[in-house]
Structures are given as C-alpha cells and as structure tokens.
Amino acid sequence: MESQKTFTKRIGGYLHKMIPITDASGKLLHYVTKPLMVELKPRDIMQIIIGSTILALPVAYTEEAWKLGEELPLLNVGFLSIISLVFIALFVFFNFYRFNINGNVFNYIKRVIATYIISILVVAVLLTIIQRCPWETDFVLAIKRIIIVAFPASMSATISDVLK
C-alpha cells in the first residue's frame, strides 16, 4: 500500500525509523524499528572518550611517537590532522547519515568535529600526565605529538561510537 511509508518516531528519548511490514494484500502487520543514530547524546560522547583512550594509551607510551613529533615537519603533521578528519567524516557519513543526511547536516558536522576534538583532548591530557607535552618549553612539539597520537585515537573513537 502506498500510504504506508517509513517515518521517524522518538522512542525512549532516541529517534527510530519505523518501517511498516505488510502482507501480500497490503494490510499492515507490524512495524520494524531501526535506531537512527543521528543525534549526539551524552552516551555517544562517553563512547568517544573511551574509544579514543583505547588506542591513545599504547601509542602515547611509545618513544617512536615522541620522536616522530620531533622529526616530522609541521606541514606533514597538518596533513595527518586533515586525513584524520576526512576518515572520521567518511566513516561517520557511511555508518550514520548516508540515508538520513537530509535535515541532519548540522548533527553530522557536530559529530565529526566532536569526535576529533574529544580525541585531541584525551590525548593532550594523557601526554601531559606522562610529561611528554612540553607546553612551557616547546608548544609546537606538544601540539605535533598530540596530533600524531590523535590519529589512531580518533579512528578508535569513531569505531567505538558505532557500537550501540
């Protein structure tokens, strides 16, 4: 039946796509609900924090990452940051917004930026705690180390955000 189309409904505070299931004659039998993960909720933020920590910890403790921060030119580190954002944006788009981008562009941009910024903050705190961010003596080195370690951290943050 043409009048029975999918629609969006909030259930338990979360958006769901309601998909009608009909029999051969077009009579509505029931609805299948599919969660729409287009809104950034506190639960998602916590998943991003935990996810970024998963890979930030082992990478932040390696001397190779610290030396790479010293040796890699700032331009290359900038490209690494751009690649991180592109990977996050593509992964988030194809897993959350591909079929639901209309009306959710702001939520999409917010999720991509939030994932990267939260990952950066987690790495900055971790590297500061283990005294590998020389904020007072070499601010640029501190930023470079953060961006280098944030690359894998942001990828694991993005993956963990998908888990529901």
N, C-alpha and C. Protein backbone atom coordinates (compact mmCIF):
# COMPACT_ATOMS: atom_id res chain seq x y z
N MET A 1 0.85 -1.17 0.00
CA MET A 1 0.00 0.00 0.00
C MET A 1 0.89 1.24 0.00
N GLU A 2 0.58 2.19 -0.81
CA GLU A 2 1.42 3.36 -0.99
C GLU A 2 1.38 4.30 0.22
N SER A 3 0.30 4.29 1.00
CA SER A 3 0.19 5.21 2.13
C SER A 3 1.06 4.80 3.31
N GLN A 4 1.55 3.56 3.32
CA GLN A 4 2.35 3.09 4.45
C GLN A 4 3.83 3.21 4.10
N LYS A 5 4.42 4.31 4.55
CA LYS A 5 5.82 4.57 4.29
C LYS A 5 6.56 4.65 5.61
N THR A 6 7.86 4.61 5.52
CA THR A 6 8.65 4.73 6.73
C THR A 6 8.51 6.13 7.32
N PHE A 7 8.64 6.23 8.62
CA PHE A 7 8.60 7.52 9.29
C PHE A 7 9.50 7.44 10.51
N THR A 8 9.76 8.60 11.09
CA THR A 8 10.65 8.69 12.25
C THR A 8 9.81 8.92 13.50
N LYS A 9 10.18 8.20 14.58
CA LYS A 9 9.46 8.33 15.84
C LYS A 9 10.48 8.27 16.98
N ARG A 10 10.26 9.08 18.00
CA ARG A 10 11.13 9.07 19.17
C ARG A 10 10.60 8.04 20.17
N ILE A 11 11.46 7.07 20.51
CA ILE A 11 11.11 6.03 21.47
C ILE A 11 12.18 6.02 22.56
N GLY A 12 11.76 6.22 23.79
CA GLY A 12 12.71 6.24 24.90
C GLY A 12 13.76 7.31 24.78
N GLY A 13 13.41 8.44 24.16
CA GLY A 13 14.34 9.55 24.01
C GLY A 13 15.24 9.46 22.79
N TYR A 14 15.16 8.35 22.04
CA TYR A 14 16.01 8.16 20.86
C TYR A 14 15.15 8.07 19.60
N LEU A 15 15.69 8.59 18.50
CA LEU A 15 14.98 8.53 17.23
C LEU A 15 15.07 7.13 16.63
N HIS A 16 13.95 6.67 16.07
CA HIS A 16 13.90 5.38 15.39
C HIS A 16 13.18 5.55 14.06
N LYS A 17 13.63 4.79 13.08
CA LYS A 17 12.93 4.73 11.80
C LYS A 17 11.91 3.61 11.93
N MET A 18 10.68 3.90 11.65
CA MET A 18 9.60 2.93 11.72
C MET A 18 9.33 2.41 10.30
N ILE A 19 9.54 1.12 10.11
CA ILE A 19 9.39 0.51 8.79
C ILE A 19 8.16 -0.40 8.83
N PRO A 20 7.14 -0.10 8.03
CA PRO A 20 5.93 -0.93 8.05
C PRO A 20 6.17 -2.27 7.33
N ILE A 21 5.64 -3.34 7.91
CA ILE A 21 5.67 -4.67 7.31
C ILE A 21 4.23 -5.02 6.96
N THR A 22 4.01 -5.32 5.68
CA THR A 22 2.66 -5.63 5.21
C THR A 22 2.60 -7.02 4.59
N ASP A 23 1.40 -7.54 4.50
CA ASP A 23 1.23 -8.83 3.83
C ASP A 23 1.03 -8.58 2.33
N ALA A 24 0.76 -9.63 1.58
CA ALA A 24 0.63 -9.53 0.12
C ALA A 24 -0.50 -8.60 -0.31
N SER A 25 -1.53 -8.50 0.51
CA SER A 25 -2.66 -7.65 0.14
C SER A 25 -2.41 -6.18 0.52
N GLY A 26 -1.35 -5.91 1.23
CA GLY A 26 -1.04 -4.55 1.62
C GLY A 26 -1.50 -4.20 3.03
N LYS A 27 -2.04 -5.18 3.73
CA LYS A 27 -2.52 -4.94 5.10
C LYS A 27 -1.31 -4.85 6.04
N LEU A 28 -1.33 -3.81 6.88
CA LEU A 28 -0.25 -3.59 7.83
C LEU A 28 -0.24 -4.70 8.88
N LEU A 29 0.91 -5.38 9.01
CA LEU A 29 1.05 -6.43 10.02
C LEU A 29 1.69 -5.88 11.29
N HIS A 30 2.82 -5.19 11.14
CA HIS A 30 3.52 -4.59 12.27
C HIS A 30 4.60 -3.66 11.75
N TYR A 31 5.30 -3.03 12.67
CA TYR A 31 6.40 -2.14 12.31
C TYR A 31 7.71 -2.73 12.83
N VAL A 32 8.75 -2.54 12.05
CA VAL A 32 10.10 -2.87 12.49
C VAL A 32 10.75 -1.53 12.81
N THR A 33 11.40 -1.46 13.97
CA THR A 33 12.06 -0.22 14.34
C THR A 33 13.56 -0.36 14.15
N LYS A 34 14.14 0.68 13.66
CA LYS A 34 15.59 0.72 13.45
C LYS A 34 16.10 2.02 14.08
N PRO A 35 17.03 1.93 15.05
CA PRO A 35 17.53 3.16 15.67
C PRO A 35 18.23 4.06 14.66
N LEU A 36 17.93 5.34 14.73
CA LEU A 36 18.63 6.35 13.92
C LEU A 36 19.64 7.01 14.82
N MET A 37 20.90 6.83 14.53
CA MET A 37 21.94 7.40 15.38
C MET A 37 22.46 8.69 14.77
N VAL A 38 21.57 9.66 14.66
CA VAL A 38 21.95 10.93 14.04
C VAL A 38 22.14 12.04 15.06
N GLU A 39 21.73 11.81 16.30
CA GLU A 39 21.89 12.82 17.34
C GLU A 39 23.09 12.44 18.22
N LEU A 40 23.85 13.44 18.62
CA LEU A 40 24.99 13.21 19.51
C LEU A 40 24.51 13.32 20.95
N LYS A 41 24.46 12.21 21.63
CA LYS A 41 23.95 12.14 23.01
C LYS A 41 25.13 11.99 23.98
N PRO A 42 24.92 12.24 25.28
CA PRO A 42 25.99 12.05 26.27
C PRO A 42 26.59 10.64 26.23
N ARG A 43 25.77 9.65 25.97
CA ARG A 43 26.27 8.28 25.86
C ARG A 43 27.28 8.16 24.71
N ASP A 44 27.01 8.84 23.61
CA ASP A 44 27.93 8.83 22.47
C ASP A 44 29.25 9.51 22.83
N ILE A 45 29.17 10.60 23.57
CA ILE A 45 30.38 11.31 23.98
C ILE A 45 31.24 10.41 24.86
N MET A 46 30.60 9.68 25.78
CA MET A 46 31.35 8.77 26.64
C MET A 46 32.00 7.66 25.81
N GLN A 47 31.29 7.15 24.82
CA GLN A 47 31.86 6.13 23.95
C GLN A 47 33.06 6.68 23.17
N ILE A 48 32.99 7.92 22.74
CA ILE A 48 34.10 8.54 22.02
C ILE A 48 35.30 8.68 22.95
N ILE A 49 35.07 9.09 24.18
CA ILE A 49 36.18 9.23 25.15
C ILE A 49 36.85 7.89 25.38
N ILE A 50 36.06 6.87 25.67
CA ILE A 50 36.62 5.54 25.92
C ILE A 50 37.30 5.01 24.66
N GLY A 51 36.67 5.17 23.52
CA GLY A 51 37.24 4.69 22.26
C GLY A 51 38.56 5.35 21.92
N SER A 52 38.66 6.64 22.14
CA SER A 52 39.93 7.31 21.84
C SER A 52 41.02 6.88 22.81
N THR A 53 40.64 6.58 24.03
CA THR A 53 41.62 6.13 25.02
C THR A 53 42.19 4.76 24.67
N ILE A 54 41.38 3.93 24.03
CA ILE A 54 41.80 2.57 23.70
C ILE A 54 43.10 2.56 22.89
N LEU A 55 43.21 3.39 21.87
CA LEU A 55 44.45 3.42 21.09
C LEU A 55 45.40 4.54 21.49
N ALA A 56 44.90 5.53 22.22
CA ALA A 56 45.79 6.60 22.66
C ALA A 56 46.79 6.07 23.68
N LEU A 57 46.35 5.19 24.55
CA LEU A 57 47.23 4.67 25.60
C LEU A 57 48.47 3.97 25.04
N PRO A 58 48.32 2.94 24.21
CA PRO A 58 49.55 2.27 23.75
C PRO A 58 50.42 3.15 22.85
N VAL A 59 49.83 3.99 22.04
CA VAL A 59 50.62 4.82 21.14
C VAL A 59 51.33 5.93 21.91
N ALA A 60 50.66 6.51 22.89
CA ALA A 60 51.24 7.61 23.65
C ALA A 60 52.46 7.17 24.46
N TYR A 61 52.52 5.90 24.82
CA TYR A 61 53.64 5.40 25.62
C TYR A 61 54.85 4.96 24.78
N THR A 62 54.78 5.12 23.47
CA THR A 62 55.90 4.68 22.63
C THR A 62 56.84 5.84 22.34
N GLU A 63 58.11 5.55 22.43
CA GLU A 63 59.12 6.56 22.16
C GLU A 63 59.10 6.96 20.68
N GLU A 64 58.69 6.03 19.83
CA GLU A 64 58.63 6.33 18.39
C GLU A 64 57.68 7.50 18.12
N ALA A 65 56.55 7.53 18.81
CA ALA A 65 55.59 8.62 18.62
C ALA A 65 56.18 9.94 19.09
N TRP A 66 56.92 9.91 20.20
CA TRP A 66 57.53 11.13 20.71
C TRP A 66 58.59 11.65 19.74
N LYS A 67 59.42 10.74 19.21
CA LYS A 67 60.47 11.15 18.27
C LYS A 67 59.88 11.62 16.94
N LEU A 68 58.81 10.96 16.51
CA LEU A 68 58.14 11.38 15.28
C LEU A 68 57.66 12.82 15.41
N GLY A 69 57.17 13.17 16.59
CA GLY A 69 56.76 14.55 16.84
C GLY A 69 57.91 15.53 16.71
N GLU A 70 59.10 15.10 17.10
CA GLU A 70 60.27 15.97 16.99
C GLU A 70 60.75 16.10 15.55
N GLU A 71 60.67 15.01 14.78
CA GLU A 71 61.28 14.96 13.45
C GLU A 71 60.35 15.35 12.31
N LEU A 72 59.07 15.10 12.45
CA LEU A 72 58.13 15.33 11.35
C LEU A 72 57.86 16.83 11.18
N PRO A 73 57.95 17.32 9.95
CA PRO A 73 57.65 18.74 9.71
C PRO A 73 56.20 19.07 10.06
N LEU A 74 55.98 20.31 10.44
CA LEU A 74 54.65 20.76 10.83
C LEU A 74 53.63 20.58 9.71
N LEU A 75 54.06 20.76 8.46
CA LEU A 75 53.16 20.58 7.32
C LEU A 75 52.64 19.14 7.26
N ASN A 76 53.53 18.18 7.47
CA ASN A 76 53.12 16.77 7.45
C ASN A 76 52.15 16.45 8.59
N VAL A 77 52.40 17.03 9.74
CA VAL A 77 51.50 16.83 10.88
C VAL A 77 50.13 17.44 10.56
N GLY A 78 50.14 18.58 9.87
CA GLY A 78 48.88 19.19 9.45
C GLY A 78 48.12 18.28 8.49
N PHE A 79 48.83 17.66 7.56
CA PHE A 79 48.19 16.71 6.65
C PHE A 79 47.62 15.52 7.41
N LEU A 80 48.34 15.07 8.42
CA LEU A 80 47.85 13.96 9.25
C LEU A 80 46.55 14.34 9.94
N SER A 81 46.46 15.56 10.39
CA SER A 81 45.23 16.05 11.02
C SER A 81 44.08 16.10 10.01
N ILE A 82 44.36 16.56 8.80
CA ILE A 82 43.33 16.61 7.76
C ILE A 82 42.87 15.20 7.38
N ILE A 83 43.82 14.27 7.27
CA ILE A 83 43.47 12.88 6.95
C ILE A 83 42.58 12.30 8.04
N SER A 84 42.89 12.60 9.29
CA SER A 84 42.06 12.12 10.40
C SER A 84 40.62 12.61 10.25
N LEU A 85 40.48 13.90 9.99
CA LEU A 85 39.13 14.47 9.83
C LEU A 85 38.39 13.86 8.64
N VAL A 86 39.10 13.64 7.55
CA VAL A 86 38.47 13.04 6.36
C VAL A 86 38.02 11.62 6.66
N PHE A 87 38.87 10.82 7.31
CA PHE A 87 38.50 9.45 7.66
C PHE A 87 37.29 9.42 8.60
N ILE A 88 37.31 10.29 9.60
CA ILE A 88 36.18 10.36 10.53
C ILE A 88 34.91 10.74 9.77
N ALA A 89 35.01 11.77 8.94
CA ALA A 89 33.84 12.25 8.20
C ALA A 89 33.27 11.18 7.29
N LEU A 90 34.13 10.46 6.59
CA LEU A 90 33.64 9.40 5.70
C LEU A 90 33.00 8.25 6.48
N PHE A 91 33.68 7.81 7.54
CA PHE A 91 33.16 6.70 8.33
C PHE A 91 31.82 7.06 8.97
N VAL A 92 31.74 8.25 9.55
CA VAL A 92 30.50 8.70 10.20
C VAL A 92 29.40 8.83 9.16
N PHE A 93 29.72 9.39 8.01
CA PHE A 93 28.70 9.54 6.97
C PHE A 93 28.13 8.19 6.55
N PHE A 94 28.99 7.24 6.23
CA PHE A 94 28.51 5.97 5.71
C PHE A 94 27.88 5.07 6.77
N ASN A 95 28.16 5.32 8.04
CA ASN A 95 27.57 4.49 9.09
C ASN A 95 26.37 5.11 9.78
N PHE A 96 26.23 6.43 9.75
CA PHE A 96 25.13 7.08 10.44
C PHE A 96 24.20 7.88 9.52
N TYR A 97 24.75 8.58 8.55
CA TYR A 97 23.99 9.61 7.85
C TYR A 97 23.73 9.36 6.37
N ARG A 98 24.24 8.29 5.82
CA ARG A 98 24.15 8.09 4.37
C ARG A 98 22.71 8.20 3.87
N PHE A 99 21.78 7.59 4.58
CA PHE A 99 20.38 7.62 4.15
C PHE A 99 19.56 8.63 4.94
N ASN A 100 20.21 9.35 5.86
CA ASN A 100 19.48 10.26 6.74
C ASN A 100 20.13 11.64 6.81
N ILE A 101 20.82 12.05 5.77
CA ILE A 101 21.54 13.33 5.81
C ILE A 101 20.59 14.52 5.73
N ASN A 102 19.47 14.37 5.06
CA ASN A 102 18.51 15.48 4.95
C ASN A 102 18.00 15.86 6.33
N GLY A 103 18.19 17.12 6.68
CA GLY A 103 17.77 17.62 7.98
C GLY A 103 18.75 17.31 9.11
N ASN A 104 19.84 16.62 8.81
CA ASN A 104 20.80 16.25 9.85
C ASN A 104 22.22 16.70 9.54
N VAL A 105 22.38 17.65 8.65
CA VAL A 105 23.72 18.11 8.27
C VAL A 105 24.45 18.69 9.48
N PHE A 106 23.74 19.49 10.28
CA PHE A 106 24.37 20.08 11.47
C PHE A 106 24.80 18.99 12.44
N ASN A 107 23.95 17.99 12.66
CA ASN A 107 24.31 16.87 13.55
C ASN A 107 25.51 16.10 13.02
N TYR A 108 25.58 15.95 11.71
CA TYR A 108 26.71 15.25 11.08
C TYR A 108 28.02 16.01 11.34
N ILE A 109 28.01 17.29 11.05
CA ILE A 109 29.21 18.11 11.26
C ILE A 109 29.58 18.12 12.74
N LYS A 110 28.59 18.24 13.60
CA LYS A 110 28.83 18.25 15.04
C LYS A 110 29.48 16.95 15.52
N ARG A 111 29.01 15.81 15.01
CA ARG A 111 29.57 14.52 15.42
C ARG A 111 31.02 14.37 14.93
N VAL A 112 31.30 14.77 13.72
CA VAL A 112 32.66 14.67 13.17
C VAL A 112 33.62 15.54 13.98
N ILE A 113 33.26 16.79 14.19
CA ILE A 113 34.13 17.71 14.93
C ILE A 113 34.27 17.28 16.38
N ALA A 114 33.16 16.86 16.99
CA ALA A 114 33.21 16.42 18.40
C ALA A 114 34.12 15.21 18.56
N THR A 115 34.04 14.27 17.63
CA THR A 115 34.90 13.08 17.71
C THR A 115 36.37 13.47 17.65
N TYR A 116 36.72 14.36 16.75
CA TYR A 116 38.12 14.75 16.63
C TYR A 116 38.59 15.57 17.83
N ILE A 117 37.79 16.53 18.25
CA ILE A 117 38.20 17.39 19.37
C ILE A 117 38.30 16.58 20.66
N ILE A 118 37.35 15.70 20.91
CA ILE A 118 37.41 14.86 22.12
C ILE A 118 38.65 13.98 22.08
N SER A 119 38.96 13.41 20.92
CA SER A 119 40.17 12.59 20.79
C SER A 119 41.42 13.42 21.07
N ILE A 120 41.47 14.62 20.54
CA ILE A 120 42.60 15.52 20.79
C ILE A 120 42.74 15.81 22.28
N LEU A 121 41.63 16.09 22.95
CA LEU A 121 41.67 16.41 24.37
C LEU A 121 42.12 15.21 25.21
N VAL A 122 41.63 14.02 24.87
CA VAL A 122 42.04 12.81 25.59
C VAL A 122 43.54 12.62 25.46
N VAL A 123 44.05 12.75 24.24
CA VAL A 123 45.49 12.58 24.00
C VAL A 123 46.28 13.67 24.72
N ALA A 124 45.82 14.90 24.67
CA ALA A 124 46.53 16.00 25.34
C ALA A 124 46.63 15.76 26.84
N VAL A 125 45.55 15.33 27.45
CA VAL A 125 45.58 15.04 28.89
C VAL A 125 46.54 13.91 29.18
N LEU A 126 46.46 12.85 28.39
CA LEU A 126 47.33 11.68 28.62
C LEU A 126 48.81 12.05 28.46
N LEU A 127 49.15 12.72 27.38
CA LEU A 127 50.55 13.09 27.16
C LEU A 127 51.05 14.10 28.20
N THR A 128 50.18 14.95 28.67
CA THR A 128 50.56 15.89 29.72
C THR A 128 50.82 15.15 31.03
N ILE A 129 49.99 14.17 31.34
CA ILE A 129 50.17 13.40 32.57
C ILE A 129 51.49 12.64 32.57
N ILE A 130 51.84 12.07 31.41
CA ILE A 130 53.11 11.31 31.37
C ILE A 130 54.29 12.20 31.00
N GLN A 131 54.08 13.49 31.04
CA GLN A 131 55.11 14.50 30.83
C GLN A 131 55.81 14.40 29.48
N ARG A 132 55.02 14.22 28.42
CA ARG A 132 55.55 14.19 27.07
C ARG A 132 54.99 15.33 26.21
N CYS A 133 54.34 16.29 26.87
CA CYS A 133 53.88 17.51 26.21
C CYS A 133 54.60 18.69 26.85
N PRO A 134 55.67 19.14 26.24
CA PRO A 134 56.43 20.25 26.83
C PRO A 134 55.76 21.59 26.55
N TRP A 135 54.64 21.84 27.20
CA TRP A 135 53.84 23.04 26.94
C TRP A 135 54.64 24.32 27.13
N GLU A 136 55.43 24.40 28.19
CA GLU A 136 56.14 25.65 28.50
C GLU A 136 57.37 25.86 27.61
N THR A 137 58.08 24.78 27.30
CA THR A 137 59.34 24.93 26.58
C THR A 137 59.20 24.83 25.06
N ASP A 138 58.30 23.96 24.58
CA ASP A 138 58.15 23.78 23.13
C ASP A 138 56.69 23.46 22.80
N PHE A 139 55.92 24.51 22.70
CA PHE A 139 54.47 24.39 22.46
C PHE A 139 54.18 23.66 21.14
N VAL A 140 54.93 23.95 20.10
CA VAL A 140 54.71 23.33 18.78
C VAL A 140 54.96 21.82 18.86
N LEU A 141 56.00 21.41 19.56
CA LEU A 141 56.28 19.98 19.73
C LEU A 141 55.13 19.29 20.46
N ALA A 142 54.60 19.95 21.48
CA ALA A 142 53.47 19.38 22.22
C ALA A 142 52.28 19.17 21.29
N ILE A 143 51.97 20.15 20.48
CA ILE A 143 50.85 20.04 19.53
C ILE A 143 51.11 18.94 18.50
N LYS A 144 52.32 18.87 17.99
CA LYS A 144 52.66 17.85 17.00
C LYS A 144 52.50 16.45 17.58
N ARG A 145 52.97 16.24 18.80
CA ARG A 145 52.82 14.93 19.43
C ARG A 145 51.35 14.58 19.65
N ILE A 146 50.58 15.56 20.04
CA ILE A 146 49.14 15.33 20.26
C ILE A 146 48.47 14.91 18.96
N ILE A 147 48.75 15.62 17.88
CA ILE A 147 48.11 15.30 16.59
C ILE A 147 48.54 13.93 16.09
N ILE A 148 49.81 13.59 16.27
CA ILE A 148 50.30 12.28 15.83
C ILE A 148 49.61 11.15 16.58
N VAL A 149 49.51 11.28 17.89
CA VAL A 149 48.86 10.23 18.69
C VAL A 149 47.34 10.25 18.49
N ALA A 150 46.79 11.43 18.18
CA ALA A 150 45.34 11.54 17.98
C ALA A 150 44.87 10.85 16.71
N PHE A 151 45.77 10.62 15.76
CA PHE A 151 45.34 9.95 14.53
C PHE A 151 44.76 8.56 14.83
N PRO A 152 45.49 7.65 15.45
CA PRO A 152 44.86 6.35 15.76
C PRO A 152 43.78 6.47 16.84
N ALA A 153 43.94 7.41 17.77
CA ALA A 153 42.94 7.58 18.82
C ALA A 153 41.59 7.99 18.24
N SER A 154 41.61 8.88 17.26
CA SER A 154 40.34 9.31 16.66
C SER A 154 39.69 8.20 15.84
N MET A 155 40.53 7.34 15.24
CA MET A 155 39.97 6.21 14.50
C MET A 155 39.26 5.24 15.45
N SER A 156 39.88 4.93 16.58
CA SER A 156 39.23 4.02 17.53
C SER A 156 38.02 4.68 18.19
N ALA A 157 38.06 6.00 18.36
CA ALA A 157 36.90 6.71 18.89
C ALA A 157 35.72 6.61 17.93
N THR A 158 36.01 6.74 16.65
CA THR A 158 34.96 6.65 15.63
C THR A 158 34.35 5.27 15.60
N ILE A 159 35.19 4.25 15.68
CA ILE A 159 34.70 2.86 15.67
C ILE A 159 33.84 2.59 16.90
N SER A 160 34.31 3.04 18.05
CA SER A 160 33.55 2.74 19.28
C SER A 160 32.22 3.48 19.31
N ASP A 161 32.13 4.61 18.62
CA ASP A 161 30.87 5.36 18.56
C ASP A 161 29.79 4.60 17.82
N VAL A 162 30.19 3.69 16.93
CA VAL A 162 29.22 2.90 16.18
C VAL A 162 28.56 1.83 17.05
N LEU A 163 29.28 1.36 18.05
CA LEU A 163 28.77 0.29 18.91
C LEU A 163 27.60 0.80 19.74
N LYS A 164 26.50 0.10 19.68
CA LYS A 164 25.31 0.51 20.45
C LYS A 164 24.76 -0.66 21.20
